[in-house]
Amino acid sequence: ITQVLPILQSNVDVLAFVDAGFIGLFGEWHDSSNGLVNTTDGKIILEDLLLGLSTQRMVTLRYPYDKRAIYDS
């Protein structure tokens, strides 16, 4: 994420949103070969993206239940 954020930040004016697809083979947050399919790692990735992007940009997740699990609501 730290490698990609400068590119995203410099092009934030043409981005509608950024997908948090950093986990899993196809970025769908399942079947991670690195053991990242858990709430703790998902929250770290999501929070890093949210902090690194403009407050006017959204970060999307594929599954709504991941958002509920991360924010416990």
PDB file of N, CA and C in Angstrom:
ATOM      1  N   ILE A   1       0.837  -1.190   0.000  1.00  0.00           N
ATOM      2  CA  ILE A   1       0.000   0.000   0.000  1.00  0.00           C
ATOM      3  C   ILE A   1       0.878   1.248   0.000  1.00  0.00           C
ATOM      4  N   THR A   2       1.966   1.218   0.740  1.00  0.00           N
ATOM      5  CA  THR A   2       2.839   2.386   0.772  1.00  0.00           C
ATOM      6  C   THR A   2       3.482   2.645  -0.590  1.00  0.00           C
ATOM      7  N   GLN A   3       3.640   1.608  -1.392  1.00  0.00           N
ATOM      8  CA  GLN A   3       4.191   1.783  -2.734  1.00  0.00           C
ATOM      9  C   GLN A   3       3.149   2.341  -3.703  1.00  0.00           C
ATOM     10  N   VAL A   4       1.895   2.016  -3.505  1.00  0.00           N
ATOM     11  CA  VAL A   4       0.827   2.411  -4.418  1.00  0.00           C
ATOM     12  C   VAL A   4       0.223   3.769  -4.055  1.00  0.00           C
ATOM     13  N   LEU A   5       0.239   4.128  -2.782  1.00  0.00           N
ATOM     14  CA  LEU A   5      -0.416   5.363  -2.338  1.00  0.00           C
ATOM     15  C   LEU A   5       0.077   6.624  -3.047  1.00  0.00           C
ATOM     16  N   PRO A   6       1.368   6.828  -3.276  1.00  0.00           N
ATOM     17  CA  PRO A   6       1.777   8.041  -3.992  1.00  0.00           C
ATOM     18  C   PRO A   6       1.149   8.161  -5.384  1.00  0.00           C
ATOM     19  N   ILE A   7       0.986   7.047  -6.066  1.00  0.00           N
ATOM     20  CA  ILE A   7       0.361   7.063  -7.389  1.00  0.00           C
ATOM     21  C   ILE A   7      -1.124   7.404  -7.261  1.00  0.00           C
ATOM     22  N   LEU A   8      -1.778   6.790  -6.295  1.00  0.00           N
ATOM     23  CA  LEU A   8      -3.196   7.082  -6.076  1.00  0.00           C
ATOM     24  C   LEU A   8      -3.389   8.540  -5.675  1.00  0.00           C
ATOM     25  N   GLN A   9      -2.537   9.037  -4.789  1.00  0.00           N
ATOM     26  CA  GLN A   9      -2.658  10.416  -4.327  1.00  0.00           C
ATOM     27  C   GLN A   9      -2.430  11.415  -5.458  1.00  0.00           C
ATOM     28  N   SER A  10      -1.501  11.128  -6.335  1.00  0.00           N
ATOM     29  CA  SER A  10      -1.230  12.070  -7.426  1.00  0.00           C
ATOM     30  C   SER A  10      -2.325  12.034  -8.498  1.00  0.00           C
ATOM     31  N   ASN A  11      -3.140  11.002  -8.490  1.00  0.00           N
ATOM     32  CA  ASN A  11      -4.215  10.882  -9.475  1.00  0.00           C
ATOM     33  C   ASN A  11      -5.599  10.900  -8.838  1.00  0.00           C
ATOM     34  N   VAL A  12      -5.695  11.393  -7.617  1.00  0.00           N
ATOM     35  CA  VAL A  12      -6.959  11.358  -6.888  1.00  0.00           C
ATOM     36  C   VAL A  12      -8.052  12.160  -7.599  1.00  0.00           C
ATOM     37  N   ASP A  13      -7.667  13.110  -8.417  1.00  0.00           N
ATOM     38  CA  ASP A  13      -8.666  13.919  -9.118  1.00  0.00           C
ATOM     39  C   ASP A  13      -9.418  13.141 -10.188  1.00  0.00           C
ATOM     40  N   VAL A  14      -8.900  12.016 -10.630  1.00  0.00           N
ATOM     41  CA  VAL A  14      -9.574  11.207 -11.649  1.00  0.00           C
ATOM     42  C   VAL A  14     -10.106   9.885 -11.095  1.00  0.00           C
ATOM     43  N   LEU A  15     -10.005   9.698  -9.799  1.00  0.00           N
ATOM     44  CA  LEU A  15     -10.501   8.476  -9.166  1.00  0.00           C
ATOM     45  C   LEU A  15     -11.849   8.724  -8.508  1.00  0.00           C
ATOM     46  N   ALA A  16     -12.797   7.868  -8.790  1.00  0.00           N
ATOM     47  CA  ALA A  16     -14.084   7.943  -8.100  1.00  0.00           C
ATOM     48  C   ALA A  16     -14.008   7.201  -6.766  1.00  0.00           C
ATOM     49  N   PHE A  17     -13.283   6.094  -6.757  1.00  0.00           N
ATOM     50  CA  PHE A  17     -13.107   5.279  -5.564  1.00  0.00           C
ATOM     51  C   PHE A  17     -11.914   4.362  -5.775  1.00  0.00           C
ATOM     52  N   VAL A  18     -11.481   3.714  -4.707  1.00  0.00           N
ATOM     53  CA  VAL A  18     -10.404   2.728  -4.770  1.00  0.00           C
ATOM     54  C   VAL A  18     -10.921   1.466  -4.107  1.00  0.00           C
ATOM     55  N   ASP A  19     -10.741   0.348  -4.761  1.00  0.00           N
ATOM     56  CA  ASP A  19     -11.152  -0.925  -4.180  1.00  0.00           C
ATOM     57  C   ASP A  19     -10.029  -1.456  -3.298  1.00  0.00           C
ATOM     58  N   ALA A  20     -10.389  -1.929  -2.128  1.00  0.00           N
ATOM     59  CA  ALA A  20      -9.404  -2.456  -1.174  1.00  0.00           C
ATOM     60  C   ALA A  20      -9.087  -3.911  -1.500  1.00  0.00           C
ATOM     61  N   GLY A  21      -8.749  -4.189  -2.735  1.00  0.00           N
ATOM     62  CA  GLY A  21      -8.514  -5.557  -3.185  1.00  0.00           C
ATOM     63  C   GLY A  21      -7.078  -5.996  -3.050  1.00  0.00           C
ATOM     64  N   PHE A  22      -6.531  -5.977  -1.860  1.00  0.00           N
ATOM     65  CA  PHE A  22      -5.146  -6.365  -1.652  1.00  0.00           C
ATOM     66  C   PHE A  22      -5.008  -7.763  -1.051  1.00  0.00           C
ATOM     67  N   ILE A  23      -6.113  -8.423  -0.775  1.00  0.00           N
ATOM     68  CA  ILE A  23      -6.065  -9.750  -0.140  1.00  0.00           C
ATOM     69  C   ILE A  23      -6.625 -10.783  -1.108  1.00  0.00           C
ATOM     70  N   GLY A  24      -5.938 -11.888  -1.229  1.00  0.00           N
ATOM     71  CA  GLY A  24      -6.404 -12.990  -2.068  1.00  0.00           C
ATOM     72  C   GLY A  24      -5.868 -12.933  -3.486  1.00  0.00           C
ATOM     73  N   LEU A  25      -5.997 -14.034  -4.174  1.00  0.00           N
ATOM     74  CA  LEU A  25      -5.464 -14.177  -5.528  1.00  0.00           C
ATOM     75  C   LEU A  25      -6.024 -13.136  -6.495  1.00  0.00           C
ATOM     76  N   PHE A  26      -7.310 -12.884  -6.414  1.00  0.00           N
ATOM     77  CA  PHE A  26      -7.947 -11.921  -7.307  1.00  0.00           C
ATOM     78  C   PHE A  26      -8.391 -10.649  -6.582  1.00  0.00           C
ATOM     79  N   GLY A  27      -7.869 -10.419  -5.388  1.00  0.00           N
ATOM     80  CA  GLY A  27      -8.220  -9.221  -4.629  1.00  0.00           C
ATOM     81  C   GLY A  27      -9.626  -9.231  -4.098  1.00  0.00           C
ATOM     82  N   GLU A  28     -10.163 -10.410  -3.843  1.00  0.00           N
ATOM     83  CA  GLU A  28     -11.552 -10.525  -3.393  1.00  0.00           C
ATOM     84  C   GLU A  28     -11.674 -10.843  -1.909  1.00  0.00           C
ATOM     85  N   TRP A  29     -10.594 -10.731  -1.186  1.00  0.00           N
ATOM     86  CA  TRP A  29     -10.559 -10.943   0.257  1.00  0.00           C
ATOM     87  C   TRP A  29     -10.932 -12.374   0.664  1.00  0.00           C
ATOM     88  N   HIS A  30     -10.501 -13.348  -0.107  1.00  0.00           N
ATOM     89  CA  HIS A  30     -10.649 -14.743   0.316  1.00  0.00           C
ATOM     90  C   HIS A  30      -9.481 -15.543  -0.227  1.00  0.00           C
ATOM     91  N   ASP A  31      -9.219 -16.666   0.389  1.00  0.00           N
ATOM     92  CA  ASP A  31      -8.171 -17.602  -0.040  1.00  0.00           C
ATOM     93  C   ASP A  31      -6.797 -16.949  -0.152  1.00  0.00           C
ATOM     94  N   SER A  32      -6.373 -16.262   0.882  1.00  0.00           N
ATOM     95  CA  SER A  32      -5.064 -15.623   0.880  1.00  0.00           C
ATOM     96  C   SER A  32      -3.973 -16.653   1.152  1.00  0.00           C
ATOM     97  N   SER A  33      -2.958 -16.692   0.318  1.00  0.00           N
ATOM     98  CA  SER A  33      -1.830 -17.599   0.543  1.00  0.00           C
ATOM     99  C   SER A  33      -0.891 -17.052   1.617  1.00  0.00           C
ATOM    100  N   ASN A  34      -1.117 -15.825   2.055  1.00  0.00           N
ATOM    101  CA  ASN A  34      -0.290 -15.210   3.093  1.00  0.00           C
ATOM    102  C   ASN A  34      -0.984 -15.135   4.447  1.00  0.00           C
ATOM    103  N   GLY A  35      -2.138 -15.756   4.562  1.00  0.00           N
ATOM    104  CA  GLY A  35      -2.858 -15.770   5.836  1.00  0.00           C
ATOM    105  C   GLY A  35      -3.474 -14.432   6.210  1.00  0.00           C
ATOM    106  N   LEU A  36      -3.859 -13.648   5.240  1.00  0.00           N
ATOM    107  CA  LEU A  36      -4.397 -12.321   5.508  1.00  0.00           C
ATOM    108  C   LEU A  36      -5.918 -12.265   5.607  1.00  0.00           C
ATOM    109  N   VAL A  37      -6.580 -13.398   5.497  1.00  0.00           N
ATOM    110  CA  VAL A  37      -8.044 -13.396   5.556  1.00  0.00           C
ATOM    111  C   VAL A  37      -8.472 -13.435   7.023  1.00  0.00           C
ATOM    112  N   ASN A  38      -8.400 -12.272   7.647  1.00  0.00           N
ATOM    113  CA  ASN A  38      -8.859 -12.124   9.024  1.00  0.00           C
ATOM    114  C   ASN A  38      -9.193 -10.655   9.252  1.00  0.00           C
ATOM    115  N   THR A  39      -9.929 -10.392  10.284  1.00  0.00           N
ATOM    116  CA  THR A  39     -10.409  -9.036  10.541  1.00  0.00           C
ATOM    117  C   THR A  39      -9.270  -8.076  10.871  1.00  0.00           C
ATOM    118  N   THR A  40      -8.270  -8.538  11.593  1.00  0.00           N
ATOM    119  CA  THR A  40      -7.170  -7.661  11.994  1.00  0.00           C
ATOM    120  C   THR A  40      -6.396  -7.128  10.788  1.00  0.00           C
ATOM    121  N   ASP A  41      -5.983  -8.022   9.896  1.00  0.00           N
ATOM    122  CA  ASP A  41      -5.242  -7.591   8.710  1.00  0.00           C
ATOM    123  C   ASP A  41      -6.118  -6.793   7.755  1.00  0.00           C
ATOM    124  N   GLY A  42      -7.377  -7.179   7.633  1.00  0.00           N
ATOM    125  CA  GLY A  42      -8.308  -6.434   6.791  1.00  0.00           C
ATOM    126  C   GLY A  42      -8.475  -5.007   7.271  1.00  0.00           C
ATOM    127  N   LYS A  43      -8.563  -4.832   8.580  1.00  0.00           N
ATOM    128  CA  LYS A  43      -8.709  -3.487   9.147  1.00  0.00           C
ATOM    129  C   LYS A  43      -7.463  -2.651   8.887  1.00  0.00           C
ATOM    130  N   ILE A  44      -6.287  -3.244   9.017  1.00  0.00           N
ATOM    131  CA  ILE A  44      -5.037  -2.514   8.765  1.00  0.00           C
ATOM    132  C   ILE A  44      -4.991  -2.020   7.322  1.00  0.00           C
ATOM    133  N   ILE A  45      -5.325  -2.895   6.388  1.00  0.00           N
ATOM    134  CA  ILE A  45      -5.313  -2.522   4.975  1.00  0.00           C
ATOM    135  C   ILE A  45      -6.336  -1.428   4.697  1.00  0.00           C
ATOM    136  N   LEU A  46      -7.535  -1.610   5.188  1.00  0.00           N
ATOM    137  CA  LEU A  46      -8.593  -0.630   4.953  1.00  0.00           C
ATOM    138  C   LEU A  46      -8.249   0.725   5.567  1.00  0.00           C
ATOM    139  N   GLU A  47      -7.771   0.731   6.793  1.00  0.00           N
ATOM    140  CA  GLU A  47      -7.438   1.989   7.466  1.00  0.00           C
ATOM    141  C   GLU A  47      -6.268   2.689   6.777  1.00  0.00           C
ATOM    142  N   ASP A  48      -5.272   1.944   6.315  1.00  0.00           N
ATOM    143  CA  ASP A  48      -4.148   2.556   5.594  1.00  0.00           C
ATOM    144  C   ASP A  48      -4.627   3.233   4.313  1.00  0.00           C
ATOM    145  N   LEU A  49      -5.522   2.588   3.604  1.00  0.00           N
ATOM    146  CA  LEU A  49      -6.068   3.198   2.390  1.00  0.00           C
ATOM    147  C   LEU A  49      -6.892   4.434   2.716  1.00  0.00           C
ATOM    148  N   LEU A  50      -7.738   4.340   3.720  1.00  0.00           N
ATOM    149  CA  LEU A  50      -8.583   5.471   4.085  1.00  0.00           C
ATOM    150  C   LEU A  50      -7.752   6.660   4.547  1.00  0.00           C
ATOM    151  N   LEU A  51      -6.696   6.408   5.306  1.00  0.00           N
ATOM    152  CA  LEU A  51      -5.846   7.493   5.789  1.00  0.00           C
ATOM    153  C   LEU A  51      -5.010   8.106   4.660  1.00  0.00           C
ATOM    154  N   GLY A  52      -4.628   7.289   3.695  1.00  0.00           N
ATOM    155  CA  GLY A  52      -3.765   7.761   2.623  1.00  0.00           C
ATOM    156  C   GLY A  52      -4.473   8.494   1.508  1.00  0.00           C
ATOM    157  N   LEU A  53      -5.771   8.311   1.390  1.00  0.00           N
ATOM    158  CA  LEU A  53      -6.522   8.954   0.302  1.00  0.00           C
ATOM    159  C   LEU A  53      -7.239  10.194   0.794  1.00  0.00           C
ATOM    160  N   SER A  54      -7.631  11.008  -0.119  1.00  0.00           N
ATOM    161  CA  SER A  54      -8.401  12.192   0.193  1.00  0.00           C
ATOM    162  C   SER A  54      -9.713  11.795   0.865  1.00  0.00           C
ATOM    163  N   THR A  55     -10.202  12.642   1.722  1.00  0.00           N
ATOM    164  CA  THR A  55     -11.481  12.360   2.380  1.00  0.00           C
ATOM    165  C   THR A  55     -12.642  12.418   1.400  1.00  0.00           C
ATOM    166  N   GLN A  56     -12.381  12.890   0.185  1.00  0.00           N
ATOM    167  CA  GLN A  56     -13.429  12.943  -0.826  1.00  0.00           C
ATOM    168  C   GLN A  56     -13.479  11.676  -1.669  1.00  0.00           C
ATOM    169  N   ARG A  57     -12.651  10.707  -1.388  1.00  0.00           N
ATOM    170  CA  ARG A  57     -12.633   9.448  -2.144  1.00  0.00           C
ATOM    171  C   ARG A  57     -13.091   8.304  -1.258  1.00  0.00           C
ATOM    172  N   MET A  58     -13.803   7.379  -1.857  1.00  0.00           N
ATOM    173  CA  MET A  58     -14.300   6.227  -1.133  1.00  0.00           C
ATOM    174  C   MET A  58     -13.385   5.035  -1.372  1.00  0.00           C
ATOM    175  N   VAL A  59     -13.386   4.133  -0.394  1.00  0.00           N
ATOM    176  CA  VAL A  59     -12.690   2.857  -0.522  1.00  0.00           C
ATOM    177  C   VAL A  59     -13.769   1.787  -0.450  1.00  0.00           C
ATOM    178  N   THR A  60     -13.784   0.896  -1.424  1.00  0.00           N
ATOM    179  CA  THR A  60     -14.831  -0.118  -1.483  1.00  0.00           C
ATOM    180  C   THR A  60     -14.295  -1.481  -1.058  1.00  0.00           C
ATOM    181  N   LEU A  61     -15.214  -2.282  -0.560  1.00  0.00           N
ATOM    182  CA  LEU A  61     -14.958  -3.682  -0.224  1.00  0.00           C
ATOM    183  C   LEU A  61     -15.945  -4.535  -0.991  1.00  0.00           C
ATOM    184  N   ARG A  62     -15.534  -5.730  -1.353  1.00  0.00           N
ATOM    185  CA  ARG A  62     -16.441  -6.581  -2.123  1.00  0.00           C
ATOM    186  C   ARG A  62     -17.606  -7.079  -1.280  1.00  0.00           C
ATOM    187  N   TYR A  63     -17.314  -7.487  -0.055  1.00  0.00           N
ATOM    188  CA  TYR A  63     -18.343  -8.102   0.783  1.00  0.00           C
ATOM    189  C   TYR A  63     -18.756  -7.174   1.924  1.00  0.00           C
ATOM    190  N   PRO A  64     -20.044  -6.870   2.053  1.00  0.00           N
ATOM    191  CA  PRO A  64     -20.502  -6.025   3.153  1.00  0.00           C
ATOM    192  C   PRO A  64     -20.185  -6.609   4.528  1.00  0.00           C
ATOM    193  N   TYR A  65     -20.163  -7.923   4.653  1.00  0.00           N
ATOM    194  CA  TYR A  65     -19.902  -8.511   5.961  1.00  0.00           C
ATOM    195  C   TYR A  65     -18.470  -8.261   6.424  1.00  0.00           C
ATOM    196  N   ASP A  66     -17.539  -8.004   5.515  1.00  0.00           N
ATOM    197  CA  ASP A  66     -16.183  -7.638   5.929  1.00  0.00           C
ATOM    198  C   ASP A  66     -16.192  -6.277   6.622  1.00  0.00           C
ATOM    199  N   LYS A  67     -16.947  -5.341   6.087  1.00  0.00           N
ATOM    200  CA  LYS A  67     -17.058  -4.020   6.707  1.00  0.00           C
ATOM    201  C   LYS A  67     -17.706  -4.130   8.078  1.00  0.00           C
ATOM    202  N   ARG A  68     -18.749  -4.950   8.184  1.00  0.00           N
ATOM    203  CA  ARG A  68     -19.402  -5.125   9.481  1.00  0.00           C
ATOM    204  C   ARG A  68     -18.447  -5.767  10.486  1.00  0.00           C
ATOM    205  N   ALA A  69     -17.666  -6.734  10.055  1.00  0.00           N
ATOM    206  CA  ALA A  69     -16.725  -7.412  10.954  1.00  0.00           C
ATOM    207  C   ALA A  69     -15.622  -6.464  11.417  1.00  0.00           C
ATOM    208  N   ILE A  70     -15.128  -5.648  10.506  1.00  0.00           N
ATOM    209  CA  ILE A  70     -14.042  -4.724  10.847  1.00  0.00           C
ATOM    210  C   ILE A  70     -14.512  -3.650  11.811  1.00  0.00           C
ATOM    211  N   TYR A  71     -15.674  -3.093  11.567  1.00  0.00           N
ATOM    212  CA  TYR A  71     -16.175  -2.000  12.410  1.00  0.00           C
ATOM    213  C   TYR A  71     -17.176  -2.458  13.446  1.00  0.00           C
ATOM    214  N   ASP A  72     -17.352  -3.755  13.587  1.00  0.00           N
ATOM    215  CA  ASP A  72     -18.165  -4.355  14.649  1.00  0.00           C
ATOM    216  C   ASP A  72     -19.559  -3.717  14.753  1.00  0.00           C
ATOM    217  N   SER A  73     -20.231  -3.633  13.595  1.00  0.00           N
ATOM    218  CA  SER A  73     -21.586  -3.074  13.623  1.00  0.00           C
ATOM    219  C   SER A  73     -22.456  -3.808  12.636  1.00  0.00           C
TER     220      SER A  73
END
